[in-house]
Amino acid sequence: MIPGFEYQTVETSGAKIHAAVAGDGPPVLLIHGYPQTHMMWHAVAPALTATHTVVCPDLRGYGQSSKPPGDPEHVLYSKRALALDMVEVMSDLGFAQFGLVGHDRGGRVAHRLALDHPRATTRVAFLDIVPTLDVFENVDMSVAMGTYHWFFLSQPYDLPERMIGADPSFFLRWHLRAWSGGTDAFFSPDALGEYERAFSDPATIHATCEDYRAGATIDLEHDAADRDSKIECPVLVLWGARSKAGDLREVWRSRAKNVRGEGLDAGHFLAEELPAHVGDRLASFLVEDV
């Protein structure tokens, strides 16, 4: 648990979402990435509660949220479905509009949310992600090697489930180290323990594979249909100078009208490697005139 946060379960039209809530003031929704849970925000969220009501959910299929079985078209794990979960959670908490921060897979949910529900989002921050369509349309050897798990996890059921299920903890830690410069030393033991606990559930392994299967199928259909649609609200992009993403400003300027950003001296997991810096930058962005 994140100290100082209260936990509740919100039943959406498609899932039961476990969420941590604390603070007072304008709402901000923090969405985690793969293979983590809401605990990735444990060092950032408390500081934001000084000025905001902070909501940290587990995405459908992750952590303690429900994990419906996948469907043949992967609709249940499309970013459109996951984004709707988030809108319904915030509505249940009394928030029709909110700031939005997404890391990794959570950033892809945030992107879809901003397109599908533009009136709900006041501003959006993306942490170390390239839009899904851009990744698949620009695959070369470097991209394929660096993001091999996209192509592994999206293989048909149940090849990746069986292989990961043979040793979930090994796969989880290998993945975290691979995306953070070869070390997991900066991860909190409590957070890492929660990631391992959640990832040891076969239903989580299946659900997270379904997330990637959706990313390689129905999400691409949705993104291609919205290729020329741009996010209307202000956008902040942060990336790790030692991650695989590179400078993200230009790619996001093709997807949003008002973009600013900066690279940080970190790998992929910015909120856990540089929590104070990330927290300060988000706090400024959420209140500044833009």
C-alpha atoms as a PDB file:
ATOM      1  CA  MET A   1       0.000   0.000   0.000  1.00  0.00           C
ATOM      2  CA  ILE A   2       1.048   3.598  -0.588  1.00  0.00           C
ATOM      3  CA  PRO A   3       1.163   5.213   2.886  1.00  0.00           C
ATOM      4  CA  GLY A   4      -1.568   7.775   3.450  1.00  0.00           C
ATOM      5  CA  PHE A   5      -3.771   6.502   0.624  1.00  0.00           C
ATOM      6  CA  GLU A   6      -7.181   4.941   1.019  1.00  0.00           C
ATOM      7  CA  TYR A   7      -8.104   1.979  -1.146  1.00  0.00           C
ATOM      8  CA  GLN A   8     -11.374   1.206  -2.843  1.00  0.00           C
ATOM      9  CA  THR A   9     -12.756  -0.916  -5.625  1.00  0.00           C
ATOM     10  CA  VAL A  10     -14.822   0.710  -8.355  1.00  0.00           C
ATOM     11  CA  GLU A  11     -17.013  -1.469 -10.547  1.00  0.00           C
ATOM     12  CA  THR A  12     -16.915  -0.168 -14.111  1.00  0.00           C
ATOM     13  CA  SER A  13     -18.942  -1.417 -17.056  1.00  0.00           C
ATOM     14  CA  GLY A  14     -16.189  -3.924 -17.857  1.00  0.00           C
ATOM     15  CA  ALA A  15     -14.119  -4.627 -14.757  1.00  0.00           C
ATOM     16  CA  LYS A  16     -13.542  -4.084 -11.050  1.00  0.00           C
ATOM     17  CA  ILE A  17     -10.766  -1.545 -10.621  1.00  0.00           C
ATOM     18  CA  HIS A  18      -8.643  -1.373  -7.475  1.00  0.00           C
ATOM     19  CA  ALA A  19      -7.501   2.194  -6.793  1.00  0.00           C
ATOM     20  CA  ALA A  20      -5.579   4.209  -4.208  1.00  0.00           C
ATOM     21  CA  VAL A  21      -6.886   7.719  -3.497  1.00  0.00           C
ATOM     22  CA  ALA A  22      -5.545  10.584  -1.364  1.00  0.00           C
ATOM     23  CA  GLY A  23      -5.168  14.356  -1.234  1.00  0.00           C
ATOM     24  CA  ASP A  24      -7.319  17.371  -1.886  1.00  0.00           C
ATOM     25  CA  GLY A  25      -7.662  19.731  -4.809  1.00  0.00           C
ATOM     26  CA  PRO A  26      -7.850  19.248  -8.591  1.00  0.00           C
ATOM     27  CA  PRO A  27      -7.834  15.550  -9.527  1.00  0.00           C
ATOM     28  CA  VAL A  28      -4.980  13.806 -11.291  1.00  0.00           C
ATOM     29  CA  LEU A  29      -5.009  10.200 -12.501  1.00  0.00           C
ATOM     30  CA  LEU A  30      -1.694   8.292 -12.513  1.00  0.00           C
ATOM     31  CA  ILE A  31      -1.654   5.162 -14.708  1.00  0.00           C
ATOM     32  CA  HIS A  32       1.101   2.560 -14.332  1.00  0.00           C
ATOM     33  CA  GLY A  33       2.874   0.455 -16.945  1.00  0.00           C
ATOM     34  CA  TYR A  34       3.984  -3.128 -17.574  1.00  0.00           C
ATOM     35  CA  PRO A  35       4.757  -5.288 -15.639  1.00  0.00           C
ATOM     36  CA  GLN A  36       3.955  -3.153 -12.626  1.00  0.00           C
ATOM     37  CA  THR A  37       0.986  -2.024 -10.565  1.00  0.00           C
ATOM     38  CA  HIS A  38      -0.140   1.296  -9.088  1.00  0.00           C
ATOM     39  CA  MET A  39       2.759   0.893  -6.642  1.00  0.00           C
ATOM     40  CA  MET A  40       5.132   2.326  -9.248  1.00  0.00           C
ATOM     41  CA  TRP A  41       3.874   5.751  -8.079  1.00  0.00           C
ATOM     42  CA  HIS A  42       4.693   5.151  -4.404  1.00  0.00           C
ATOM     43  CA  ALA A  43       7.441   7.793  -4.326  1.00  0.00           C
ATOM     44  CA  VAL A  44       5.697  10.347  -6.570  1.00  0.00           C
ATOM     45  CA  ALA A  45       2.023  10.250  -5.601  1.00  0.00           C
ATOM     46  CA  PRO A  46       2.356  11.331  -1.930  1.00  0.00           C
ATOM     47  CA  ALA A  47       4.068  14.595  -2.869  1.00  0.00           C
ATOM     48  CA  LEU A  48       1.327  15.434  -5.381  1.00  0.00           C
ATOM     49  CA  THR A  49      -1.353  15.117  -2.686  1.00  0.00           C
ATOM     50  CA  ALA A  50      -0.230  18.478  -1.281  1.00  0.00           C
ATOM     51  CA  THR A  51      -1.978  20.201  -4.195  1.00  0.00           C
ATOM     52  CA  HIS A  52      -4.123  17.530  -5.879  1.00  0.00           C
ATOM     53  CA  THR A  53      -6.490  14.661  -5.319  1.00  0.00           C
ATOM     54  CA  VAL A  54      -4.387  11.777  -6.589  1.00  0.00           C
ATOM     55  CA  VAL A  55      -5.898   8.572  -7.964  1.00  0.00           C
ATOM     56  CA  CYS A  56      -3.629   5.579  -8.651  1.00  0.00           C
ATOM     57  CA  PRO A  57      -5.500   2.581 -10.100  1.00  0.00           C
ATOM     58  CA  ASP A  58      -4.394  -0.870 -11.126  1.00  0.00           C
ATOM     59  CA  LEU A  59      -5.296  -1.268 -14.790  1.00  0.00           C
ATOM     60  CA  ARG A  60      -7.712  -4.016 -15.764  1.00  0.00           C
ATOM     61  CA  GLY A  61      -5.681  -7.227 -15.759  1.00  0.00           C
ATOM     62  CA  TYR A  62      -2.998  -5.906 -13.411  1.00  0.00           C
ATOM     63  CA  GLY A  63      -2.434  -5.844  -9.661  1.00  0.00           C
ATOM     64  CA  GLN A  64      -5.629  -6.304  -7.678  1.00  0.00           C
ATOM     65  CA  SER A  65      -8.028  -5.232 -10.419  1.00  0.00           C
ATOM     66  CA  SER A  66     -10.173  -7.892 -12.068  1.00  0.00           C
ATOM     67  CA  LYS A  67      -8.786  -9.987 -14.900  1.00  0.00           C
ATOM     68  CA  PRO A  68     -11.474 -11.039 -17.371  1.00  0.00           C
ATOM     69  CA  PRO A  69     -10.417 -13.779 -19.789  1.00  0.00           C
ATOM     70  CA  GLY A  70      -9.314 -12.602 -23.199  1.00  0.00           C
ATOM     71  CA  ASP A  71     -11.632 -12.640 -26.198  1.00  0.00           C
ATOM     72  CA  PRO A  72     -10.784 -13.598 -29.808  1.00  0.00           C
ATOM     73  CA  GLU A  73     -10.686  -9.982 -31.010  1.00  0.00           C
ATOM     74  CA  HIS A  74      -8.858  -8.756 -27.869  1.00  0.00           C
ATOM     75  CA  VAL A  75     -11.525  -6.091 -27.382  1.00  0.00           C
ATOM     76  CA  LEU A  76     -11.599  -6.561 -23.611  1.00  0.00           C
ATOM     77  CA  TYR A  77      -7.959  -5.433 -23.355  1.00  0.00           C
ATOM     78  CA  SER A  78      -8.031  -2.754 -26.017  1.00  0.00           C
ATOM     79  CA  LYS A  79      -6.785   0.629 -24.844  1.00  0.00           C
ATOM     80  CA  ARG A  80     -10.276   1.910 -25.626  1.00  0.00           C
ATOM     81  CA  ALA A  81     -11.743  -0.481 -23.033  1.00  0.00           C
ATOM     82  CA  LEU A  82      -9.032   0.282 -20.471  1.00  0.00           C
ATOM     83  CA  ALA A  83      -9.455   4.020 -21.014  1.00  0.00           C
ATOM     84  CA  LEU A  84     -13.189   3.727 -20.436  1.00  0.00           C
ATOM     85  CA  ASP A  85     -12.447   1.964 -17.135  1.00  0.00           C
ATOM     86  CA  MET A  86     -10.399   4.972 -16.085  1.00  0.00           C
ATOM     87  CA  VAL A  87     -13.070   7.504 -17.064  1.00  0.00           C
ATOM     88  CA  GLU A  88     -15.686   5.531 -15.153  1.00  0.00           C
ATOM     89  CA  VAL A  89     -13.456   5.286 -12.080  1.00  0.00           C
ATOM     90  CA  MET A  90     -12.950   9.048 -12.055  1.00  0.00           C
ATOM     91  CA  SER A  91     -16.665   9.638 -12.618  1.00  0.00           C
ATOM     92  CA  ASP A  92     -17.494   7.354  -9.691  1.00  0.00           C
ATOM     93  CA  LEU A  93     -15.149   9.439  -7.537  1.00  0.00           C
ATOM     94  CA  GLY A  94     -16.961  12.600  -8.638  1.00  0.00           C
ATOM     95  CA  PHE A  95     -14.501  13.897 -11.238  1.00  0.00           C
ATOM     96  CA  ALA A  96     -15.703  14.772 -14.733  1.00  0.00           C
ATOM     97  CA  GLN A  97     -12.350  16.380 -15.650  1.00  0.00           C
ATOM     98  CA  PHE A  98      -8.852  15.552 -14.484  1.00  0.00           C
ATOM     99  CA  GLY A  99      -5.161  15.721 -15.206  1.00  0.00           C
ATOM    100  CA  LEU A 100      -3.663  12.548 -16.586  1.00  0.00           C
ATOM    101  CA  VAL A 101      -0.227  10.927 -16.314  1.00  0.00           C
ATOM    102  CA  GLY A 102       0.673   7.639 -17.991  1.00  0.00           C
ATOM    103  CA  HIS A 103       3.850   5.592 -18.008  1.00  0.00           C
ATOM    104  CA  ASP A 104       4.564   2.805 -20.489  1.00  0.00           C
ATOM    105  CA  ARG A 105       1.306   0.854 -21.142  1.00  0.00           C
ATOM    106  CA  GLY A 106      -0.464   3.407 -18.970  1.00  0.00           C
ATOM    107  CA  GLY A 107       0.692   6.061 -21.409  1.00  0.00           C
ATOM    108  CA  ARG A 108      -1.009   4.178 -24.223  1.00  0.00           C
ATOM    109  CA  VAL A 109      -4.212   4.082 -22.197  1.00  0.00           C
ATOM    110  CA  ALA A 110      -3.788   7.815 -21.526  1.00  0.00           C
ATOM    111  CA  HIS A 111      -3.335   8.503 -25.254  1.00  0.00           C
ATOM    112  CA  ARG A 112      -6.549   6.673 -26.118  1.00  0.00           C
ATOM    113  CA  LEU A 113      -8.386   8.321 -23.219  1.00  0.00           C
ATOM    114  CA  ALA A 114      -7.388  11.790 -24.407  1.00  0.00           C
ATOM    115  CA  LEU A 115      -8.653  11.000 -27.923  1.00  0.00           C
ATOM    116  CA  ASP A 116     -11.881   9.255 -26.930  1.00  0.00           C
ATOM    117  CA  HIS A 117     -12.761  11.546 -23.998  1.00  0.00           C
ATOM    118  CA  PRO A 118     -11.264  14.970 -24.778  1.00  0.00           C
ATOM    119  CA  ARG A 119     -13.635  16.792 -22.440  1.00  0.00           C
ATOM    120  CA  ALA A 120     -12.409  14.722 -19.516  1.00  0.00           C
ATOM    121  CA  THR A 121      -8.701  15.539 -19.837  1.00  0.00           C
ATOM    122  CA  THR A 122      -7.318  18.909 -18.774  1.00  0.00           C
ATOM    123  CA  ARG A 123      -3.689  18.012 -19.551  1.00  0.00           C
ATOM    124  CA  VAL A 124      -1.688  14.848 -20.169  1.00  0.00           C
ATOM    125  CA  ALA A 125       1.858  13.748 -19.328  1.00  0.00           C
ATOM    126  CA  PHE A 126       3.456  10.802 -21.134  1.00  0.00           C
ATOM    127  CA  LEU A 127       6.437   9.105 -19.504  1.00  0.00           C
ATOM    128  CA  ASP A 128       8.922   7.403 -21.835  1.00  0.00           C
ATOM    129  CA  ILE A 129       6.660   6.084 -24.581  1.00  0.00           C
ATOM    130  CA  VAL A 130       6.436   6.347 -28.352  1.00  0.00           C
ATOM    131  CA  PRO A 131       2.851   6.128 -29.714  1.00  0.00           C
ATOM    132  CA  THR A 132       1.910   2.542 -30.547  1.00  0.00           C
ATOM    133  CA  LEU A 133       1.287   3.114 -34.247  1.00  0.00           C
ATOM    134  CA  ASP A 134       4.678   4.801 -34.659  1.00  0.00           C
ATOM    135  CA  VAL A 135       6.451   1.849 -33.060  1.00  0.00           C
ATOM    136  CA  PHE A 136       4.902  -0.733 -35.383  1.00  0.00           C
ATOM    137  CA  GLU A 137       5.311   1.410 -38.498  1.00  0.00           C
ATOM    138  CA  ASN A 138       9.008   1.970 -37.851  1.00  0.00           C
ATOM    139  CA  VAL A 139      10.235  -1.465 -36.853  1.00  0.00           C
ATOM    140  CA  ASP A 140      13.867  -2.102 -37.696  1.00  0.00           C
ATOM    141  CA  MET A 141      16.445  -4.381 -36.130  1.00  0.00           C
ATOM    142  CA  SER A 142      17.078  -1.990 -33.242  1.00  0.00           C
ATOM    143  CA  VAL A 143      13.380  -1.638 -32.430  1.00  0.00           C
ATOM    144  CA  ALA A 144      12.764  -5.372 -32.752  1.00  0.00           C
ATOM    145  CA  MET A 145      15.646  -6.251 -30.426  1.00  0.00           C
ATOM    146  CA  GLY A 146      14.880  -3.500 -27.935  1.00  0.00           C
ATOM    147  CA  THR A 147      11.159  -4.190 -27.752  1.00  0.00           C
ATOM    148  CA  TYR A 148      11.227  -7.936 -28.402  1.00  0.00           C
ATOM    149  CA  HIS A 149       8.609  -8.477 -25.687  1.00  0.00           C
ATOM    150  CA  TRP A 150       5.965  -6.708 -27.807  1.00  0.00           C
ATOM    151  CA  PHE A 151       6.244  -9.512 -30.358  1.00  0.00           C
ATOM    152  CA  PHE A 152       6.664 -12.285 -27.787  1.00  0.00           C
ATOM    153  CA  LEU A 153       3.745 -11.335 -25.543  1.00  0.00           C
ATOM    154  CA  SER A 154       1.409 -10.850 -28.498  1.00  0.00           C
ATOM    155  CA  GLN A 155       1.907 -14.412 -29.776  1.00  0.00           C
ATOM    156  CA  PRO A 156      -1.257 -16.554 -29.755  1.00  0.00           C
ATOM    157  CA  TYR A 157      -2.542 -18.054 -26.527  1.00  0.00           C
ATOM    158  CA  ASP A 158      -1.001 -19.788 -24.699  1.00  0.00           C
ATOM    159  CA  LEU A 159       2.632 -19.808 -25.801  1.00  0.00           C
ATOM    160  CA  PRO A 160       3.859 -16.772 -23.806  1.00  0.00           C
ATOM    161  CA  GLU A 161       1.647 -17.675 -20.847  1.00  0.00           C
ATOM    162  CA  ARG A 162       3.271 -21.113 -20.562  1.00  0.00           C
ATOM    163  CA  MET A 163       6.804 -19.818 -20.990  1.00  0.00           C
ATOM    164  CA  ILE A 164       6.453 -16.947 -18.495  1.00  0.00           C
ATOM    165  CA  GLY A 165       4.501 -19.150 -16.106  1.00  0.00           C
ATOM    166  CA  ALA A 166       7.473 -21.503 -15.797  1.00  0.00           C
ATOM    167  CA  ASP A 167       9.281 -18.844 -13.721  1.00  0.00           C
ATOM    168  CA  PRO A 168       7.304 -15.570 -13.424  1.00  0.00           C
ATOM    169  CA  SER A 169       9.708 -13.954 -10.952  1.00  0.00           C
ATOM    170  CA  PHE A 170      12.692 -14.537 -13.230  1.00  0.00           C
ATOM    171  CA  PHE A 171      10.896 -13.049 -16.230  1.00  0.00           C
ATOM    172  CA  LEU A 172       9.673 -10.040 -14.243  1.00  0.00           C
ATOM    173  CA  ARG A 173      13.090  -9.190 -12.820  1.00  0.00           C
ATOM    174  CA  TRP A 174      14.850  -9.845 -16.143  1.00  0.00           C
ATOM    175  CA  HIS A 175      12.448  -7.459 -17.867  1.00  0.00           C
ATOM    176  CA  LEU A 176      12.832  -4.751 -15.229  1.00  0.00           C
ATOM    177  CA  ARG A 177      16.627  -4.957 -15.386  1.00  0.00           C
ATOM    178  CA  ALA A 178      16.667  -4.990 -19.188  1.00  0.00           C
ATOM    179  CA  TRP A 179      14.685  -1.747 -19.291  1.00  0.00           C
ATOM    180  CA  SER A 180      16.635   0.007 -16.542  1.00  0.00           C
ATOM    181  CA  GLY A 181      20.223  -0.346 -17.649  1.00  0.00           C
ATOM    182  CA  GLY A 182      20.901  -3.746 -16.136  1.00  0.00           C
ATOM    183  CA  THR A 183      19.947  -3.019 -12.529  1.00  0.00           C
ATOM    184  CA  ASP A 184      16.859  -3.181 -10.364  1.00  0.00           C
ATOM    185  CA  ALA A 185      18.613  -1.692  -7.326  1.00  0.00           C
ATOM    186  CA  PHE A 186      16.568   1.533  -7.343  1.00  0.00           C
ATOM    187  CA  PHE A 187      13.237  -0.298  -7.070  1.00  0.00           C
ATOM    188  CA  SER A 188      11.727  -0.210  -3.598  1.00  0.00           C
ATOM    189  CA  PRO A 189      11.743  -3.701  -2.041  1.00  0.00           C
ATOM    190  CA  ASP A 190       8.090  -3.222  -1.117  1.00  0.00           C
ATOM    191  CA  ALA A 191       7.135  -2.236  -4.646  1.00  0.00           C
ATOM    192  CA  LEU A 192       9.210  -5.013  -6.185  1.00  0.00           C
ATOM    193  CA  GLY A 193       7.612  -7.502  -3.823  1.00  0.00           C
ATOM    194  CA  GLU A 194       4.162  -6.318  -4.892  1.00  0.00           C
ATOM    195  CA  TYR A 195       5.079  -6.632  -8.567  1.00  0.00           C
ATOM    196  CA  GLU A 196       6.253 -10.197  -7.981  1.00  0.00           C
ATOM    197  CA  ARG A 197       3.169 -11.089  -5.936  1.00  0.00           C
ATOM    198  CA  ALA A 198       0.820  -9.762  -8.611  1.00  0.00           C
ATOM    199  CA  PHE A 199       2.782 -11.252 -11.507  1.00  0.00           C
ATOM    200  CA  SER A 200       2.814 -14.717  -9.937  1.00  0.00           C
ATOM    201  CA  ASP A 201      -0.930 -15.010 -10.663  1.00  0.00           C
ATOM    202  CA  PRO A 202      -1.532 -16.929 -13.940  1.00  0.00           C
ATOM    203  CA  ALA A 203      -4.553 -14.679 -14.568  1.00  0.00           C
ATOM    204  CA  THR A 204      -2.251 -11.649 -14.524  1.00  0.00           C
ATOM    205  CA  ILE A 205       0.169 -13.258 -16.944  1.00  0.00           C
ATOM    206  CA  HIS A 206      -2.687 -14.029 -19.326  1.00  0.00           C
ATOM    207  CA  ALA A 207      -4.270 -10.581 -18.973  1.00  0.00           C
ATOM    208  CA  THR A 208      -1.011  -8.755 -19.599  1.00  0.00           C
ATOM    209  CA  CYS A 209      -0.393 -10.873 -22.704  1.00  0.00           C
ATOM    210  CA  GLU A 210      -3.877  -9.883 -23.841  1.00  0.00           C
ATOM    211  CA  ASP A 211      -2.880  -6.240 -23.338  1.00  0.00           C
ATOM    212  CA  TYR A 212      -0.040  -6.741 -25.833  1.00  0.00           C
ATOM    213  CA  ARG A 213      -2.190  -8.802 -28.204  1.00  0.00           C
ATOM    214  CA  ALA A 214      -4.635  -5.915 -28.289  1.00  0.00           C
ATOM    215  CA  GLY A 215      -1.720  -3.574 -28.929  1.00  0.00           C
ATOM    216  CA  ALA A 216      -0.750  -5.531 -32.029  1.00  0.00           C
ATOM    217  CA  THR A 217      -4.288  -5.824 -33.401  1.00  0.00           C
ATOM    218  CA  ILE A 218      -7.364  -3.815 -32.417  1.00  0.00           C
ATOM    219  CA  ASP A 219      -5.402  -0.911 -30.926  1.00  0.00           C
ATOM    220  CA  LEU A 220      -3.676  -0.416 -34.279  1.00  0.00           C
ATOM    221  CA  GLU A 221      -7.062  -0.277 -36.000  1.00  0.00           C
ATOM    222  CA  HIS A 222      -8.238   2.393 -33.568  1.00  0.00           C
ATOM    223  CA  ASP A 223      -4.990   4.353 -33.843  1.00  0.00           C
ATOM    224  CA  ALA A 224      -4.968   4.214 -37.644  1.00  0.00           C
ATOM    225  CA  ALA A 225      -8.535   5.526 -37.724  1.00  0.00           C
ATOM    226  CA  ASP A 226      -7.421   8.450 -35.533  1.00  0.00           C
ATOM    227  CA  ARG A 227      -4.106   9.044 -37.279  1.00  0.00           C
ATOM    228  CA  ASP A 228      -4.976  12.663 -38.036  1.00  0.00           C
ATOM    229  CA  SER A 229      -6.619  13.398 -34.673  1.00  0.00           C
ATOM    230  CA  LYS A 230      -4.567  15.476 -32.262  1.00  0.00           C
ATOM    231  CA  ILE A 231      -4.821  15.769 -28.499  1.00  0.00           C
ATOM    232  CA  GLU A 232      -6.279  19.173 -27.743  1.00  0.00           C
ATOM    233  CA  CYS A 233      -5.085  19.728 -24.163  1.00  0.00           C
ATOM    234  CA  PRO A 234      -1.487  20.564 -23.137  1.00  0.00           C
ATOM    235  CA  VAL A 235       0.951  17.649 -23.215  1.00  0.00           C
ATOM    236  CA  LEU A 236       4.187  17.028 -21.325  1.00  0.00           C
ATOM    237  CA  VAL A 237       6.562  14.278 -22.442  1.00  0.00           C
ATOM    238  CA  LEU A 238       9.398  13.012 -20.247  1.00  0.00           C
ATOM    239  CA  TRP A 239      11.863  10.368 -21.326  1.00  0.00           C
ATOM    240  CA  GLY A 240      14.936   8.655 -19.971  1.00  0.00           C
ATOM    241  CA  ALA A 241      18.142   9.609 -21.737  1.00  0.00           C
ATOM    242  CA  ARG A 242      19.330   6.036 -21.113  1.00  0.00           C
ATOM    243  CA  SER A 243      16.109   4.380 -22.227  1.00  0.00           C
ATOM    244  CA  LYS A 244      15.185   3.153 -25.705  1.00  0.00           C
ATOM    245  CA  ALA A 245      12.688   5.910 -26.522  1.00  0.00           C
ATOM    246  CA  GLY A 246      14.911   8.818 -27.574  1.00  0.00           C
ATOM    247  CA  ASP A 247      13.757  12.447 -27.789  1.00  0.00           C
ATOM    248  CA  LEU A 248       9.964  12.238 -27.770  1.00  0.00           C
ATOM    249  CA  ARG A 249       8.981  15.822 -28.524  1.00  0.00           C
ATOM    250  CA  GLU A 250       8.734  15.581 -32.291  1.00  0.00           C
ATOM    251  CA  VAL A 251       6.790  12.336 -32.436  1.00  0.00           C
ATOM    252  CA  TRP A 252       4.256  13.650 -29.923  1.00  0.00           C
ATOM    253  CA  ARG A 253       3.940  16.947 -31.817  1.00  0.00           C
ATOM    254  CA  SER A 254       2.451  14.863 -34.603  1.00  0.00           C
ATOM    255  CA  ARG A 255      -0.139  13.593 -32.097  1.00  0.00           C
ATOM    256  CA  ALA A 256      -0.879  16.674 -29.987  1.00  0.00           C
ATOM    257  CA  LYS A 257      -1.221  20.419 -30.529  1.00  0.00           C
ATOM    258  CA  ASN A 258       0.632  21.733 -27.466  1.00  0.00           C
ATOM    259  CA  VAL A 259       3.729  19.728 -26.486  1.00  0.00           C
ATOM    260  CA  ARG A 260       6.704  20.407 -24.268  1.00  0.00           C
ATOM    261  CA  GLY A 261       9.174  17.952 -22.757  1.00  0.00           C
ATOM    262  CA  GLU A 262      12.613  17.026 -21.558  1.00  0.00           C
ATOM    263  CA  GLY A 263      14.949  14.076 -21.223  1.00  0.00           C
ATOM    264  CA  LEU A 264      16.074  12.958 -17.778  1.00  0.00           C
ATOM    265  CA  ASP A 265      19.261  11.203 -16.711  1.00  0.00           C
ATOM    266  CA  ALA A 266      17.514   7.883 -16.198  1.00  0.00           C
ATOM    267  CA  GLY A 267      16.383   4.676 -17.842  1.00  0.00           C
ATOM    268  CA  HIS A 268      12.799   3.718 -18.605  1.00  0.00           C
ATOM    269  CA  PHE A 269      11.353   3.668 -15.084  1.00  0.00           C
ATOM    270  CA  LEU A 270      11.537   7.410 -14.425  1.00  0.00           C
ATOM    271  CA  ALA A 271       9.102   7.597 -11.521  1.00  0.00           C
ATOM    272  CA  GLU A 272      11.110   5.068  -9.516  1.00  0.00           C
ATOM    273  CA  GLU A 273      14.616   6.057 -10.537  1.00  0.00           C
ATOM    274  CA  LEU A 274      14.158   9.858 -10.217  1.00  0.00           C
ATOM    275  CA  PRO A 275      10.946  10.273  -8.177  1.00  0.00           C
ATOM    276  CA  ALA A 276      11.746  13.715  -6.760  1.00  0.00           C
ATOM    277  CA  HIS A 277      12.540  15.192 -10.170  1.00  0.00           C
ATOM    278  CA  VAL A 278       9.544  13.545 -11.831  1.00  0.00           C
ATOM    279  CA  GLY A 279       7.257  14.633  -9.003  1.00  0.00           C
ATOM    280  CA  ASP A 280       8.454  18.236  -9.205  1.00  0.00           C
ATOM    281  CA  ARG A 281       8.079  18.337 -12.979  1.00  0.00           C
ATOM    282  CA  LEU A 282       4.578  16.885 -12.847  1.00  0.00           C
ATOM    283  CA  ALA A 283       3.539  19.221 -10.037  1.00  0.00           C
ATOM    284  CA  SER A 284       4.671  22.229 -12.083  1.00  0.00           C
ATOM    285  CA  PHE A 285       3.006  21.033 -15.263  1.00  0.00           C
ATOM    286  CA  LEU A 286      -0.305  20.336 -13.542  1.00  0.00           C
ATOM    287  CA  VAL A 287      -0.660  23.923 -12.338  1.00  0.00           C
ATOM    288  CA  GLU A 288       1.306  26.083 -14.782  1.00  0.00           C
ATOM    289  CA  ASP A 289      -0.343  28.298 -17.406  1.00  0.00           C
ATOM    290  CA  VAL A 290       0.114  26.531 -20.717  1.00  0.00           C
END
